[in-house]
Protein backbone atom coordinates (compact mmCIF):
# COMPACT_ATOMS: atom_id res chain seq x y z
CA MET A 1 -46.06 -52.50 -42.78
CA LYS A 2 -47.35 -50.93 -44.76
CA LYS A 3 -51.22 -52.89 -43.29
CA LEU A 4 -50.29 -52.90 -39.09
CA LEU A 5 -49.82 -48.55 -39.89
CA LEU A 6 -53.85 -48.07 -41.54
CA THR A 7 -54.79 -51.28 -39.01
CA LEU A 8 -53.25 -49.06 -36.14
CA THR A 9 -54.89 -46.52 -37.19
CA ALA A 10 -58.42 -47.63 -38.25
CA VAL A 11 -57.95 -48.04 -34.66
CA ALA A 12 -57.21 -44.92 -32.77
CA GLY A 13 -59.35 -43.36 -35.26
CA LEU A 14 -62.56 -45.47 -33.78
CA THR A 15 -61.32 -45.51 -30.58
CA VAL A 16 -61.51 -41.56 -31.07
CA ALA A 17 -64.40 -41.12 -32.59
CA SER A 18 -66.71 -43.87 -29.98
CA LYS A 19 -65.10 -41.03 -26.21
CA ALA A 20 -66.22 -37.98 -28.39
CA GLN A 21 -69.08 -39.47 -28.67
CA GLU A 22 -71.53 -38.38 -26.08
CA PHE A 23 -75.41 -39.54 -24.95
CA GLY A 24 -77.50 -36.86 -24.34
CA PHE A 25 -79.79 -33.37 -25.02
CA GLN A 26 -77.62 -30.07 -25.67
CA LYS A 27 -79.70 -26.55 -26.71
CA THR A 28 -81.97 -26.74 -30.01
CA ASP A 29 -82.46 -29.89 -29.47
CA PHE A 30 -85.53 -31.06 -30.57
CA ILE A 31 -87.15 -34.40 -29.46
CA VAL A 32 -90.36 -36.51 -30.58
CA GLU A 33 -91.40 -39.19 -28.11
CA GLY A 34 -94.40 -41.96 -27.45
CA PHE A 35 -96.22 -43.71 -24.71
CA ILE A 36 -98.81 -47.03 -26.24
CA ASN A 37 -100.65 -48.75 -25.08
CA SER A 38 -103.19 -51.54 -25.32
CA SER A 39 -104.89 -54.25 -24.46
CA ASN A 40 -107.32 -57.06 -25.12
CA THR A 41 -109.23 -59.40 -22.88
CA ASP A 42 -112.20 -62.09 -23.62
CA ASP A 43 -113.84 -63.41 -20.52
CA LYS A 44 -115.34 -66.45 -21.10
CA GLN A 45 -117.09 -66.78 -17.83
CA THR A 46 -118.63 -62.88 -17.76
CA GLU A 47 -119.51 -63.16 -21.55
CA LYS A 48 -117.05 -59.88 -21.80
CA LYS A 49 -114.78 -58.38 -24.62
CA VAL A 50 -113.16 -55.67 -23.54
CA SER A 51 -110.29 -53.92 -25.81
CA LYS A 52 -108.35 -50.61 -24.94
CA PHE A 53 -106.24 -48.50 -26.60
CA ASN A 54 -104.58 -44.93 -25.11
CA PHE A 55 -101.70 -43.14 -26.86
CA ASN A 56 -99.23 -40.33 -25.79
CA PRO A 57 -96.95 -38.59 -28.16
CA LYS A 58 -95.06 -35.06 -27.92
CA PHE A 59 -92.79 -32.64 -29.05
CA GLY A 60 -90.57 -30.66 -26.80
CA TYR A 61 -87.60 -28.38 -28.09
CA PHE A 62 -85.01 -28.28 -25.03
CA VAL A 63 -84.15 -24.26 -24.65
CA SER A 64 -81.41 -25.42 -22.69
CA ASP A 65 -79.08 -28.05 -22.33
CA LYS A 66 -80.84 -29.81 -19.07
CA ILE A 67 -84.67 -27.98 -19.80
CA ALA A 68 -87.66 -28.57 -22.16
CA VAL A 69 -91.15 -27.46 -23.29
CA GLY A 70 -93.22 -28.57 -25.66
CA LEU A 71 -96.51 -29.88 -26.30
CA GLU A 72 -98.49 -33.40 -26.01
CA LEU A 73 -101.44 -35.45 -27.02
CA ALA A 74 -103.22 -38.00 -25.39
CA VAL A 75 -105.80 -40.13 -28.53
CA GLY A 76 -107.67 -43.19 -26.32
CA ASN A 77 -110.40 -45.54 -27.06
CA SER A 78 -112.44 -48.70 -25.91
CA LYS A 79 -114.86 -50.57 -26.09
CA THR A 80 -116.85 -53.96 -23.55
CA THR A 81 -118.72 -55.78 -25.19
CA ASP A 82 -121.35 -57.78 -23.82
CA TYR A 83 -122.42 -61.48 -25.21
CA SER A 84 -124.41 -63.38 -22.51
CA GLY A 85 -127.49 -62.24 -24.66
CA GLN A 86 -129.13 -63.17 -27.68
CA GLN A 87 -127.76 -59.76 -29.33
CA ASP A 88 -124.53 -57.79 -28.69
CA ALA A 89 -124.96 -55.18 -26.44
CA SER A 90 -121.69 -52.45 -26.39
CA VAL A 91 -120.01 -49.51 -24.33
CA LYS A 92 -117.94 -47.49 -26.96
CA LYS A 93 -115.83 -44.43 -25.00
CA ASN A 94 -113.27 -42.00 -26.99
CA ASN A 95 -111.09 -39.31 -25.35
CA PHE A 96 -108.88 -37.03 -26.18
CA GLY A 97 -106.47 -34.65 -25.00
CA ILE A 98 -103.87 -31.87 -25.49
CA GLY A 99 -101.50 -30.15 -22.70
CA ALA A 100 -98.29 -28.44 -22.16
CA PHE A 101 -95.54 -29.77 -20.47
CA GLY A 102 -91.82 -28.85 -18.56
CA ARG A 103 -89.36 -31.40 -17.78
CA TYR A 104 -85.52 -31.15 -15.49
CA TYR A 105 -82.98 -33.29 -16.31
CA PHE A 106 -81.38 -33.13 -12.84
CA LEU A 107 -79.53 -37.02 -12.72
CA GLU A 108 -77.88 -39.05 -15.30
CA VAL A 109 -76.63 -42.23 -14.11
CA GLY A 110 -73.58 -42.94 -16.51
CA SER A 111 -72.77 -41.69 -20.05
CA ARG A 112 -76.74 -43.25 -21.19
CA PHE A 113 -79.10 -42.89 -18.49
CA LYS A 114 -80.79 -39.08 -18.09
CA THR A 115 -83.55 -38.95 -15.13
CA TYR A 116 -86.03 -35.73 -15.37
CA ALA A 117 -88.77 -34.36 -13.46
CA GLU A 118 -92.19 -32.83 -15.18
CA LEU A 119 -94.88 -30.37 -14.47
CA GLY A 120 -97.08 -30.35 -17.81
CA ALA A 121 -100.66 -29.38 -17.33
CA GLY A 122 -104.17 -29.60 -20.18
CA TYR A 123 -107.86 -30.94 -21.20
CA ASN A 124 -108.76 -33.55 -22.91
CA GLN A 125 -112.80 -34.74 -23.39
CA LEU A 126 -114.04 -37.97 -23.22
CA GLY A 127 -117.66 -39.33 -25.71
CA GLY A 128 -119.37 -42.50 -26.39
CA GLU A 129 -121.62 -44.21 -27.35
CA THR A 130 -124.20 -47.08 -26.26
CA ALA A 131 -125.76 -50.04 -28.00
CA ASP A 132 -127.61 -52.80 -27.56
CA GLY A 133 -128.66 -54.31 -30.79
CA ASN A 134 -131.81 -52.20 -31.40
CA ALA A 135 -130.01 -48.84 -31.24
CA THR A 136 -127.29 -46.40 -30.20
CA THR A 137 -127.07 -43.62 -28.05
CA ASP A 138 -124.22 -41.24 -27.41
CA LEU A 139 -122.97 -40.67 -23.78
CA ALA A 140 -122.60 -36.90 -22.45
CA LYS A 141 -119.65 -35.35 -22.92
CA THR A 142 -117.02 -35.08 -20.16
CA LYS A 143 -114.86 -31.99 -20.35
CA GLY A 144 -112.39 -31.93 -18.20
CA PHE A 145 -108.32 -29.99 -16.60
CA GLY A 146 -106.11 -31.57 -14.91
CA VAL A 147 -102.35 -31.17 -13.45
CA ASN A 148 -99.26 -32.36 -12.56
CA ALA A 149 -95.83 -33.53 -12.14
CA GLY A 150 -93.77 -36.66 -12.22
CA VAL A 151 -90.64 -38.07 -12.85
CA GLY A 152 -89.42 -40.25 -16.18
CA ALA A 153 -85.82 -41.36 -17.33
CA ASN A 154 -84.26 -41.78 -20.96
CA TYR A 155 -81.43 -44.69 -21.74
CA PHE A 156 -79.84 -43.68 -24.95
CA LEU A 157 -79.56 -46.30 -27.03
CA THR A 158 -77.35 -44.39 -29.31
CA ASN A 159 -76.81 -40.60 -29.83
CA ASN A 160 -80.27 -40.39 -31.24
CA ILE A 161 -82.22 -42.86 -29.66
CA ALA A 162 -83.43 -43.73 -26.47
CA ILE A 163 -85.87 -45.94 -24.58
CA GLY A 164 -88.90 -43.82 -22.32
CA PHE A 165 -89.76 -44.69 -18.98
CA SER A 166 -92.38 -42.17 -17.47
CA PHE A 167 -92.65 -43.23 -13.70
CA GLY A 168 -96.10 -42.18 -12.45
CA ASP A 169 -97.72 -39.01 -11.40
CA VAL A 170 -95.97 -37.74 -7.89
CA ILE A 171 -98.25 -35.39 -7.53
CA ALA A 172 -101.62 -34.91 -9.78
CA PHE A 173 -104.67 -33.08 -9.55
CA ASN A 174 -107.71 -33.09 -11.67
CA SER A 175 -111.13 -31.85 -12.42
CA SER A 176 -114.33 -33.42 -14.59
CA LYS A 177 -117.50 -31.78 -15.26
CA VAL A 178 -120.24 -33.47 -18.09
CA ASP A 179 -121.42 -31.77 -20.06
CA VAL A 180 -125.32 -31.57 -19.84
CA ASP A 181 -127.19 -29.47 -17.44
CA GLY A 182 -127.20 -29.21 -13.72
CA ALA A 183 -123.79 -31.05 -13.60
CA LYS A 184 -121.27 -30.31 -11.13
CA SER A 185 -117.40 -30.52 -11.32
CA GLN A 186 -115.40 -33.79 -10.24
CA ASN A 187 -112.45 -32.75 -8.62
CA GLU A 188 -109.05 -35.08 -7.55
CA PHE A 189 -105.93 -34.46 -5.80
CA SER A 190 -103.16 -37.14 -5.56
CA THR A 191 -100.00 -37.79 -4.18
CA LYS A 192 -98.24 -41.24 -4.60
CA ILE A 193 -94.76 -39.40 -2.25
CA ASN A 194 -93.13 -42.60 -0.58
CA VAL A 195 -94.61 -45.97 -2.77
CA PHE A 196 -93.62 -47.89 -3.96
CA ASP A 197 -95.38 -50.01 -6.39
CA ASN A 198 -94.46 -53.11 -9.15
CA PHE A 199 -92.28 -51.08 -11.33
CA PHE A 200 -93.14 -52.59 -14.44
CA ASN A 201 -96.80 -51.82 -12.95
CA THR A 202 -96.42 -48.36 -12.74
CA THR A 203 -94.61 -47.10 -15.83
CA HIS A 204 -94.83 -46.59 -19.41
CA PHE A 205 -92.37 -47.07 -22.01
CA GLY A 206 -91.82 -44.95 -25.62
CA LEU A 207 -89.39 -44.39 -27.57
CA THR A 208 -87.76 -40.67 -27.31
CA PHE A 209 -86.09 -40.05 -30.64
CA LYS A 210 -83.67 -36.37 -30.94
CA PHE A 211 -82.84 -34.05 -33.82
């Protein structure tokens, strides 16, 4: 009888704990999340190799249960190597960006899936170099500024760890200018409203950690 009572008490305790656990965010929560993209290709037909890497970490603080503000970084590089000639020729590019964002969680699908809208603005810089086997030449730096609005979601695996989905920018404006005398800026405004592309081609996946 004593063992039975202990077992029932343990089961009841686990049931209460399971029901009491809530997935989501609260005011004063702090989050760290990141998206990583990398690829390596080697085209034997054109005799070219291309490698790319991009890392986009974000740091956010919840000023209410549904609104978070924070900072984000963007670090990336790429290298294209042409080995069709007697000497390899390559182009290296690197980029760095910093920005701020605001996020509003507006819809819950079940207890674990939370969707949000996000508005961000940031500065970025692109540079690099070319090499032909004999000499290396620096590329002119390009500096830019952008504003974007998009949507995303979090799916909670545990109370403190979630998978992050970024579905891409719905509206975006970007302006860039090569850092040389006489250069003119290039501006781009784009919208993706009522556009349904392949889900896995447009979505970025990452991890979100809540503290």
